[in-house]
Amino acid sequence: MTETRLRDDIARLAKSMFDRGLTFGSSGNISVRLDDGWLMTPTGSSMGRIDPARISRLDAQGRHLSGDKPTKESFLHMAMYEKRPRAGAIVHLHSTHSVAVSYMHDVDPADVLPPLTAYYVMRVGTLPLIPYFAPGDLDLARAVGEMASDHHAVLLANHGPVVAGTGLEDAVYATEELEETARLFLALQGMRTRPLTPDQVADLQRRFSVKC
């Protein structure tokens, strides 16, 4: 796929997520791996109004080459890419339901959401909670890196999800599935539920586990 097409796809999918309320204001960012570097959405930009021509271009060492200055959360993307060499794209949102779950006191930090649906297991799997760090704190990147070898999706406490995929659409779909599962989880609070059993989860992981 050409770089021009990737730029257009970033802008198109960013606007789709913005228009559906999955991100807001100037929050959220997207990156895509190239053969010789990365594309990243610019810092301070609205996902609803990304100009493909102004998307940041970084070299293989992460140095800014052209376009607007990259997202100030680029270090999260780079930490994930370093540990997941097959990842082709990363989406980071401050999506409402996922962030709400990250506030909850009694969630399991090793696996925040239960396996409510097959598609959550297939597209997200297990979701560890990364402890809270102030925005821009490089210790946050280190914490993400420690989890990224074993998990292509993590939830940042009081912040939001970071999700890698084999390609851009794969990362977007997984992020959307995570947000929808978080919404279901919150809606079901106080009710008796029937998550998938360990055997059902293992079967799905054998058949459809995401690899990136």
Foldseek 3Di string as FASTA:
>chain_A
DDLLVVLVVQLVLLLVCVVVQQADQQWKKKKFDDPFFIWIFAARDRSNDTDSQQTWTAGNVRHTDGHHHHHLVVLLVVLLCVLAVLFGMKIWHQGDLLQVLLADDPADQFARFFQADLVLLQQFNGEHEQEDDPPNDSVSSVSSNVCNNPGQKYAYRNGTIMHTASHDVSNSVNRVVSSVRSVVVVVCPPHDGDHDDPVVSVVSCVVRHGGD
